[in-house]
Amino acid sequence: MKLFELLSLKFPELGHENCKIHLAVWNGEHNPIDVFLAGNFEEWQRWQSKRNFERKYIISLIQLPGIDRWLFAGCYRSLGCRYLGQL
């Protein structure tokens, strides 16, 4: 079963046109799997420097060690996107 097929069982409004797949990878400073396990992934995800949240729904996957291994971190509804400047 494909990811969108699986998620649409719970959220029928989800589709390719209103979702952004966020592939969380090491950014040179923080490893997203460590942030996730510490319980801070949602907050870390909010402060991304790229425009990752301009769609209604965000599906987050975290890169795991190994080739093509990803952890489903969650499906989020975006409440907006705005530029806050350099942090």
PDB file of N, CA and C in Angstrom:
ATOM      1  N   MET A   1       0.838  -1.165   0.000  1.00  0.00           N
ATOM      2  CA  MET A   1       0.000   0.000   0.000  1.00  0.00           C
ATOM      3  C   MET A   1       0.893   1.241   0.000  1.00  0.00           C
ATOM      4  N   LYS A   2       0.548   2.214  -0.785  1.00  0.00           N
ATOM      5  CA  LYS A   2       1.325   3.448  -0.877  1.00  0.00           C
ATOM      6  C   LYS A   2       0.949   4.392   0.260  1.00  0.00           C
ATOM      7  N   LEU A   3       1.865   5.314   0.558  1.00  0.00           N
ATOM      8  CA  LEU A   3       1.699   6.213   1.698  1.00  0.00           C
ATOM      9  C   LEU A   3       0.386   6.993   1.640  1.00  0.00           C
ATOM     10  N   PHE A   4       0.075   7.625   0.499  1.00  0.00           N
ATOM     11  CA  PHE A   4      -1.152   8.413   0.404  1.00  0.00           C
ATOM     12  C   PHE A   4      -2.399   7.528   0.521  1.00  0.00           C
ATOM     13  N   GLU A   5      -2.339   6.336   0.010  1.00  0.00           N
ATOM     14  CA  GLU A   5      -3.476   5.418   0.145  1.00  0.00           C
ATOM     15  C   GLU A   5      -3.715   5.078   1.609  1.00  0.00           C
ATOM     16  N   LEU A   6      -2.645   4.825   2.323  1.00  0.00           N
ATOM     17  CA  LEU A   6      -2.748   4.487   3.735  1.00  0.00           C
ATOM     18  C   LEU A   6      -3.271   5.680   4.543  1.00  0.00           C
ATOM     19  N   LEU A   7      -2.705   6.844   4.343  1.00  0.00           N
ATOM     20  CA  LEU A   7      -3.120   8.017   5.104  1.00  0.00           C
ATOM     21  C   LEU A   7      -4.539   8.458   4.780  1.00  0.00           C
ATOM     22  N   SER A   8      -4.954   8.268   3.534  1.00  0.00           N
ATOM     23  CA  SER A   8      -6.303   8.697   3.154  1.00  0.00           C
ATOM     24  C   SER A   8      -7.389   7.834   3.805  1.00  0.00           C
ATOM     25  N   LEU A   9      -7.024   6.683   4.350  1.00  0.00           N
ATOM     26  CA  LEU A   9      -7.994   5.892   5.103  1.00  0.00           C
ATOM     27  C   LEU A   9      -8.451   6.638   6.358  1.00  0.00           C
ATOM     28  N   LYS A  10      -7.534   7.372   6.962  1.00  0.00           N
ATOM     29  CA  LYS A  10      -7.838   8.155   8.159  1.00  0.00           C
ATOM     30  C   LYS A  10      -8.223   9.595   7.816  1.00  0.00           C
ATOM     31  N   PHE A  11      -7.578  10.152   6.785  1.00  0.00           N
ATOM     32  CA  PHE A  11      -7.792  11.545   6.382  1.00  0.00           C
ATOM     33  C   PHE A  11      -8.145  11.587   4.899  1.00  0.00           C
ATOM     34  N   PRO A  12      -9.405  11.411   4.533  1.00  0.00           N
ATOM     35  CA  PRO A  12      -9.791  11.333   3.116  1.00  0.00           C
ATOM     36  C   PRO A  12      -9.462  12.588   2.309  1.00  0.00           C
ATOM     37  N   GLU A  13      -9.310  13.728   2.981  1.00  0.00           N
ATOM     38  CA  GLU A  13      -9.022  14.976   2.272  1.00  0.00           C
ATOM     39  C   GLU A  13      -7.560  15.109   1.839  1.00  0.00           C
ATOM     40  N   LEU A  14      -6.705  14.205   2.303  1.00  0.00           N
ATOM     41  CA  LEU A  14      -5.288  14.242   1.923  1.00  0.00           C
ATOM     42  C   LEU A  14      -5.105  13.850   0.466  1.00  0.00           C
ATOM     43  N   GLY A  15      -4.265  14.591  -0.226  1.00  0.00           N
ATOM     44  CA  GLY A  15      -3.952  14.256  -1.611  1.00  0.00           C
ATOM     45  C   GLY A  15      -2.640  14.902  -2.026  1.00  0.00           C
ATOM     46  N   HIS A  16      -2.135  14.507  -3.159  1.00  0.00           N
ATOM     47  CA  HIS A  16      -0.864  15.037  -3.657  1.00  0.00           C
ATOM     48  C   HIS A  16      -0.911  16.556  -3.806  1.00  0.00           C
ATOM     49  N   GLU A  17      -2.067  17.086  -4.170  1.00  0.00           N
ATOM     50  CA  GLU A  17      -2.180  18.506  -4.480  1.00  0.00           C
ATOM     51  C   GLU A  17      -2.154  19.401  -3.235  1.00  0.00           C
ATOM     52  N   ASN A  18      -2.480  18.891  -2.061  1.00  0.00           N
ATOM     53  CA  ASN A  18      -2.500  19.738  -0.873  1.00  0.00           C
ATOM     54  C   ASN A  18      -1.524  19.277   0.213  1.00  0.00           C
ATOM     55  N   CYS A  19      -0.567  18.422  -0.150  1.00  0.00           N
ATOM     56  CA  CYS A  19       0.420  17.901   0.804  1.00  0.00           C
ATOM     57  C   CYS A  19       1.844  18.223   0.376  1.00  0.00           C
ATOM     58  N   LYS A  20       2.668  18.392   1.374  1.00  0.00           N
ATOM     59  CA  LYS A  20       4.106  18.527   1.169  1.00  0.00           C
ATOM     60  C   LYS A  20       4.757  17.378   1.925  1.00  0.00           C
ATOM     61  N   ILE A  21       5.609  16.636   1.266  1.00  0.00           N
ATOM     62  CA  ILE A  21       6.388  15.600   1.940  1.00  0.00           C
ATOM     63  C   ILE A  21       7.664  16.271   2.444  1.00  0.00           C
ATOM     64  N   HIS A  22       7.829  16.275   3.744  1.00  0.00           N
ATOM     65  CA  HIS A  22       9.019  16.872   4.356  1.00  0.00           C
ATOM     66  C   HIS A  22       9.979  15.750   4.724  1.00  0.00           C
ATOM     67  N   LEU A  23      11.107  15.683   4.032  1.00  0.00           N
ATOM     68  CA  LEU A  23      12.127  14.669   4.296  1.00  0.00           C
ATOM     69  C   LEU A  23      13.160  15.276   5.238  1.00  0.00           C
ATOM     70  N   ALA A  24      13.050  14.957   6.494  1.00  0.00           N
ATOM     71  CA  ALA A  24      13.936  15.516   7.511  1.00  0.00           C
ATOM     72  C   ALA A  24      15.252  14.750   7.519  1.00  0.00           C
ATOM     73  N   VAL A  25      16.330  15.461   7.242  1.00  0.00           N
ATOM     74  CA  VAL A  25      17.673  14.876   7.224  1.00  0.00           C
ATOM     75  C   VAL A  25      18.587  15.733   8.086  1.00  0.00           C
ATOM     76  N   TRP A  26      19.744  15.193   8.413  1.00  0.00           N
ATOM     77  CA  TRP A  26      20.727  15.928   9.208  1.00  0.00           C
ATOM     78  C   TRP A  26      21.040  17.241   8.520  1.00  0.00           C
ATOM     79  N   ASN A  27      20.963  18.345   9.253  1.00  0.00           N
ATOM     80  CA  ASN A  27      21.158  19.676   8.681  1.00  0.00           C
ATOM     81  C   ASN A  27      22.538  20.257   8.963  1.00  0.00           C
ATOM     82  N   GLY A  28      23.462  19.431   9.416  1.00  0.00           N
ATOM     83  CA  GLY A  28      24.795  19.902   9.737  1.00  0.00           C
ATOM     84  C   GLY A  28      24.943  20.272  11.203  1.00  0.00           C
ATOM     85  N   GLU A  29      23.812  20.406  11.883  1.00  0.00           N
ATOM     86  CA  GLU A  29      23.827  20.765  13.297  1.00  0.00           C
ATOM     87  C   GLU A  29      23.022  19.782  14.147  1.00  0.00           C
ATOM     88  N   HIS A  30      21.832  19.414  13.662  1.00  0.00           N
ATOM     89  CA  HIS A  30      20.959  18.518  14.416  1.00  0.00           C
ATOM     90  C   HIS A  30      20.555  17.322  13.564  1.00  0.00           C
ATOM     91  N   ASN A  31      20.537  16.155  14.198  1.00  0.00           N
ATOM     92  CA  ASN A  31      20.040  14.958  13.538  1.00  0.00           C
ATOM     93  C   ASN A  31      18.561  14.831  13.888  1.00  0.00           C
ATOM     94  N   PRO A  32      17.667  14.856  12.911  1.00  0.00           N
ATOM     95  CA  PRO A  32      16.234  14.859  13.222  1.00  0.00           C
ATOM     96  C   PRO A  32      15.755  13.644  14.012  1.00  0.00           C
ATOM     97  N   ILE A  33      16.404  12.492  13.877  1.00  0.00           N
ATOM     98  CA  ILE A  33      15.974  11.333  14.657  1.00  0.00           C
ATOM     99  C   ILE A  33      16.260  11.561  16.138  1.00  0.00           C
ATOM    100  N   ASP A  34      17.369  12.222  16.460  1.00  0.00           N
ATOM    101  CA  ASP A  34      17.672  12.547  17.862  1.00  0.00           C
ATOM    102  C   ASP A  34      16.663  13.556  18.408  1.00  0.00           C
ATOM    103  N   VAL A  35      16.318  14.538  17.591  1.00  0.00           N
ATOM    104  CA  VAL A  35      15.331  15.547  17.987  1.00  0.00           C
ATOM    105  C   VAL A  35      13.972  14.881  18.214  1.00  0.00           C
ATOM    106  N   PHE A  36      13.608  13.971  17.328  1.00  0.00           N
ATOM    107  CA  PHE A  36      12.340  13.244  17.435  1.00  0.00           C
ATOM    108  C   PHE A  36      12.296  12.413  18.719  1.00  0.00           C
ATOM    109  N   LEU A  37      13.353  11.659  18.980  1.00  0.00           N
ATOM    110  CA  LEU A  37      13.385  10.805  20.168  1.00  0.00           C
ATOM    111  C   LEU A  37      13.392  11.615  21.458  1.00  0.00           C
ATOM    112  N   ALA A  38      13.896  12.858  21.392  1.00  0.00           N
ATOM    113  CA  ALA A  38      13.897  13.745  22.555  1.00  0.00           C
ATOM    114  C   ALA A  38      12.531  14.419  22.753  1.00  0.00           C
ATOM    115  N   GLY A  39      11.620  14.209  21.792  1.00  0.00           N
ATOM    116  CA  GLY A  39      10.289  14.791  21.908  1.00  0.00           C
ATOM    117  C   GLY A  39      10.168  16.214  21.409  1.00  0.00           C
ATOM    118  N   ASN A  40      11.149  16.682  20.635  1.00  0.00           N
ATOM    119  CA  ASN A  40      11.165  18.068  20.183  1.00  0.00           C
ATOM    120  C   ASN A  40      11.013  18.224  18.679  1.00  0.00           C
ATOM    121  N   PHE A  41      10.572  17.191  17.987  1.00  0.00           N
ATOM    122  CA  PHE A  41      10.548  17.245  16.524  1.00  0.00           C
ATOM    123  C   PHE A  41       9.581  18.288  15.973  1.00  0.00           C
ATOM    124  N   GLU A  42       8.386  18.376  16.551  1.00  0.00           N
ATOM    125  CA  GLU A  42       7.409  19.339  16.044  1.00  0.00           C
ATOM    126  C   GLU A  42       7.947  20.772  16.152  1.00  0.00           C
ATOM    127  N   GLU A  43       8.563  21.093  17.266  1.00  0.00           N
ATOM    128  CA  GLU A  43       9.148  22.430  17.440  1.00  0.00           C
ATOM    129  C   GLU A  43      10.316  22.645  16.475  1.00  0.00           C
ATOM    130  N   TRP A  44      11.179  21.639  16.311  1.00  0.00           N
ATOM    131  CA  TRP A  44      12.320  21.739  15.390  1.00  0.00           C
ATOM    132  C   TRP A  44      11.836  21.945  13.957  1.00  0.00           C
ATOM    133  N   GLN A  45      10.785  21.245  13.617  1.00  0.00           N
ATOM    134  CA  GLN A  45      10.231  21.319  12.272  1.00  0.00           C
ATOM    135  C   GLN A  45       9.672  22.710  11.955  1.00  0.00           C
ATOM    136  N   ARG A  46       9.162  23.397  12.958  1.00  0.00           N
ATOM    137  CA  ARG A  46       8.590  24.738  12.763  1.00  0.00           C
ATOM    138  C   ARG A  46       9.614  25.764  12.313  1.00  0.00           C
ATOM    139  N   TRP A  47      10.867  25.558  12.636  1.00  0.00           N
ATOM    140  CA  TRP A  47      11.898  26.563  12.373  1.00  0.00           C
ATOM    141  C   TRP A  47      12.754  26.244  11.160  1.00  0.00           C
ATOM    142  N   GLN A  48      12.220  25.564  10.210  1.00  0.00           N
ATOM    143  CA  GLN A  48      12.963  25.254   8.989  1.00  0.00           C
ATOM    144  C   GLN A  48      13.204  26.521   8.185  1.00  0.00           C
ATOM    145  N   SER A  49      14.336  26.594   7.529  1.00  0.00           N
ATOM    146  CA  SER A  49      14.681  27.802   6.768  1.00  0.00           C
ATOM    147  C   SER A  49      14.072  27.807   5.368  1.00  0.00           C
ATOM    148  N   LYS A  50      13.671  26.646   4.885  1.00  0.00           N
ATOM    149  CA  LYS A  50      13.065  26.582   3.556  1.00  0.00           C
ATOM    150  C   LYS A  50      11.547  26.678   3.681  1.00  0.00           C
ATOM    151  N   ARG A  51      10.868  26.917   2.586  1.00  0.00           N
ATOM    152  CA  ARG A  51       9.427  27.079   2.597  1.00  0.00           C
ATOM    153  C   ARG A  51       8.749  25.709   2.523  1.00  0.00           C
ATOM    154  N   ASN A  52       8.844  24.961   3.603  1.00  0.00           N
ATOM    155  CA  ASN A  52       8.321  23.596   3.642  1.00  0.00           C
ATOM    156  C   ASN A  52       6.843  23.522   3.985  1.00  0.00           C
ATOM    157  N   PHE A  53       6.251  24.615   4.428  1.00  0.00           N
ATOM    158  CA  PHE A  53       4.929  24.524   5.019  1.00  0.00           C
ATOM    159  C   PHE A  53       3.884  25.366   4.294  1.00  0.00           C
ATOM    160  N   GLU A  54       3.979  25.479   2.993  1.00  0.00           N
ATOM    161  CA  GLU A  54       3.028  26.279   2.237  1.00  0.00           C
ATOM    162  C   GLU A  54       1.825  25.484   1.735  1.00  0.00           C
ATOM    163  N   ARG A  55       1.728  24.251   2.074  1.00  0.00           N
ATOM    164  CA  ARG A  55       0.578  23.421   1.715  1.00  0.00           C
ATOM    165  C   ARG A  55      -0.258  23.181   2.966  1.00  0.00           C
ATOM    166  N   LYS A  56      -1.474  22.706   2.771  1.00  0.00           N
ATOM    167  CA  LYS A  56      -2.379  22.509   3.897  1.00  0.00           C
ATOM    168  C   LYS A  56      -1.893  21.414   4.848  1.00  0.00           C
ATOM    169  N   TYR A  57      -1.291  20.363   4.298  1.00  0.00           N
ATOM    170  CA  TYR A  57      -0.826  19.241   5.117  1.00  0.00           C
ATOM    171  C   TYR A  57       0.657  18.983   4.870  1.00  0.00           C
ATOM    172  N   ILE A  58       1.341  18.618   5.935  1.00  0.00           N
ATOM    173  CA  ILE A  58       2.761  18.266   5.875  1.00  0.00           C
ATOM    174  C   ILE A  58       2.893  16.823   6.366  1.00  0.00           C
ATOM    175  N   ILE A  59       3.505  15.991   5.545  1.00  0.00           N
ATOM    176  CA  ILE A  59       3.808  14.614   5.935  1.00  0.00           C
ATOM    177  C   ILE A  59       5.310  14.552   6.163  1.00  0.00           C
ATOM    178  N   SER A  60       5.696  14.246   7.392  1.00  0.00           N
ATOM    179  CA  SER A  60       7.106  14.262   7.752  1.00  0.00           C
ATOM    180  C   SER A  60       7.679  12.858   7.857  1.00  0.00           C
ATOM    181  N   LEU A  61       8.797  12.677   7.185  1.00  0.00           N
ATOM    182  CA  LEU A  61       9.562  11.439   7.244  1.00  0.00           C
ATOM    183  C   LEU A  61      10.973  11.783   7.698  1.00  0.00           C
ATOM    184  N   ILE A  62      11.530  10.974   8.575  1.00  0.00           N
ATOM    185  CA  ILE A  62      12.880  11.210   9.096  1.00  0.00           C
ATOM    186  C   ILE A  62      13.813  10.140   8.544  1.00  0.00           C
ATOM    187  N   GLN A  63      14.932  10.587   7.992  1.00  0.00           N
ATOM    188  CA  GLN A  63      15.915   9.654   7.438  1.00  0.00           C
ATOM    189  C   GLN A  63      16.560   8.848   8.558  1.00  0.00           C
ATOM    190  N   LEU A  64      16.592   7.540   8.374  1.00  0.00           N
ATOM    191  CA  LEU A  64      17.241   6.633   9.316  1.00  0.00           C
ATOM    192  C   LEU A  64      18.552   6.146   8.722  1.00  0.00           C
ATOM    193  N   PRO A  65      19.459   5.647   9.560  1.00  0.00           N
ATOM    194  CA  PRO A  65      20.702   5.101   9.029  1.00  0.00           C
ATOM    195  C   PRO A  65      20.417   3.961   8.045  1.00  0.00           C
ATOM    196  N   GLY A  66      21.226   3.871   7.028  1.00  0.00           N
ATOM    197  CA  GLY A  66      21.032   2.842   6.016  1.00  0.00           C
ATOM    198  C   GLY A  66      20.530   3.464   4.726  1.00  0.00           C
ATOM    199  N   ILE A  67      20.337   2.649   3.753  1.00  0.00           N
ATOM    200  CA  ILE A  67      19.912   3.120   2.435  1.00  0.00           C
ATOM    201  C   ILE A  67      18.393   3.094   2.353  1.00  0.00           C
ATOM    202  N   ASP A  68      17.807   4.217   1.995  1.00  0.00           N
ATOM    203  CA  ASP A  68      16.360   4.328   1.770  1.00  0.00           C
ATOM    204  C   ASP A  68      15.521   3.824   2.944  1.00  0.00           C
ATOM    205  N   ARG A  69      15.879   4.272   4.140  1.00  0.00           N
ATOM    206  CA  ARG A  69      15.093   3.929   5.330  1.00  0.00           C
ATOM    207  C   ARG A  69      14.557   5.218   5.929  1.00  0.00           C
ATOM    208  N   TRP A  70      13.247   5.271   6.127  1.00  0.00           N
ATOM    209  CA  TRP A  70      12.594   6.487   6.612  1.00  0.00           C
ATOM    210  C   TRP A  70      11.603   6.129   7.712  1.00  0.00           C
ATOM    211  N   LEU A  71      11.502   6.985   8.705  1.00  0.00           N
ATOM    212  CA  LEU A  71      10.547   6.841   9.793  1.00  0.00           C
ATOM    213  C   LEU A  71       9.415   7.841   9.570  1.00  0.00           C
ATOM    214  N   PHE A  72       8.174   7.366   9.594  1.00  0.00           N
ATOM    215  CA  PHE A  72       7.027   8.264   9.507  1.00  0.00           C
ATOM    216  C   PHE A  72       6.927   9.011  10.828  1.00  0.00           C
ATOM    217  N   ALA A  73       7.110  10.328  10.795  1.00  0.00           N
ATOM    218  CA  ALA A  73       7.099  11.145  12.009  1.00  0.00           C
ATOM    219  C   ALA A  73       5.738  11.765  12.280  1.00  0.00           C
ATOM    220  N   GLY A  74       4.894  11.831  11.268  1.00  0.00           N
ATOM    221  CA  GLY A  74       3.563  12.369  11.496  1.00  0.00           C
ATOM    222  C   GLY A  74       3.006  13.084  10.291  1.00  0.00           C
ATOM    223  N   CYS A  75       1.721  13.355  10.385  1.00  0.00           N
ATOM    224  CA  CYS A  75       1.008  14.143   9.380  1.00  0.00           C
ATOM    225  C   CYS A  75       0.473  15.355  10.115  1.00  0.00           C
ATOM    226  N   TYR A  76       0.820  16.533   9.643  1.00  0.00           N
ATOM    227  CA  TYR A  76       0.478  17.769  10.317  1.00  0.00           C
ATOM    228  C   TYR A  76      -0.363  18.657   9.418  1.00  0.00           C
ATOM    229  N   ARG A  77      -1.247  19.422  10.023  1.00  0.00           N
ATOM    230  CA  ARG A  77      -1.988  20.431   9.274  1.00  0.00           C
ATOM    231  C   ARG A  77      -1.278  21.758   9.500  1.00  0.00           C
ATOM    232  N   SER A  78      -0.924  22.413   8.428  1.00  0.00           N
ATOM    233  CA  SER A  78      -0.212  23.684   8.506  1.00  0.00           C
ATOM    234  C   SER A  78      -1.199  24.803   8.804  1.00  0.00           C
ATOM    235  N   LEU A  79      -0.840  25.627   9.753  1.00  0.00           N
ATOM    236  CA  LEU A  79      -1.683  26.767  10.108  1.00  0.00           C
ATOM    237  C   LEU A  79      -1.190  28.055   9.465  1.00  0.00           C
ATOM    238  N   GLY A  80      -0.177  27.946   8.630  1.00  0.00           N
ATOM    239  CA  GLY A  80       0.348  29.113   7.937  1.00  0.00           C
ATOM    240  C   GLY A  80       1.844  29.032   7.777  1.00  0.00           C
ATOM    241  N   CYS A  81       2.345  29.958   7.013  1.00  0.00           N
ATOM    242  CA  CYS A  81       3.779  30.018   6.749  1.00  0.00           C
ATOM    243  C   CYS A  81       4.154  31.489   6.630  1.00  0.00           C
ATOM    244  N   ARG A  82       5.141  31.897   7.394  1.00  0.00           N
ATOM    245  CA  ARG A  82       5.606  33.274   7.264  1.00  0.00           C
ATOM    246  C   ARG A  82       7.097  33.330   7.513  1.00  0.00           C
ATOM    247  N   TYR A  83       7.742  34.275   6.865  1.00  0.00           N
ATOM    248  CA  TYR A  83       9.179  34.455   6.980  1.00  0.00           C
ATOM    249  C   TYR A  83       9.473  35.266   8.233  1.00  0.00           C
ATOM    250  N   LEU A  84      10.328  34.744   9.107  1.00  0.00           N
ATOM    251  CA  LEU A  84      10.671  35.431  10.345  1.00  0.00           C
ATOM    252  C   LEU A  84      12.071  36.040  10.297  1.00  0.00           C
ATOM    253  N   GLY A  85      12.789  35.869   9.205  1.00  0.00           N
ATOM    254  CA  GLY A  85      14.141  36.383   9.109  1.00  0.00           C
ATOM    255  C   GLY A  85      15.151  35.366   9.628  1.00  0.00           C
ATOM    256  N   GLN A  86      16.377  35.777   9.675  1.00  0.00           N
ATOM    257  CA  GLN A  86      17.449  34.901  10.146  1.00  0.00           C
ATOM    258  C   GLN A  86      17.335  34.672  11.631  1.00  0.00           C
ATOM    259  N   LEU A  87      17.564  33.441  12.060  1.00  0.00           N
ATOM    260  CA  LEU A  87      17.536  33.111  13.481  1.00  0.00           C
ATOM    261  C   LEU A  87      18.924  33.074  14.039  1.00  0.00           C
TER     262      LEU A  87
END
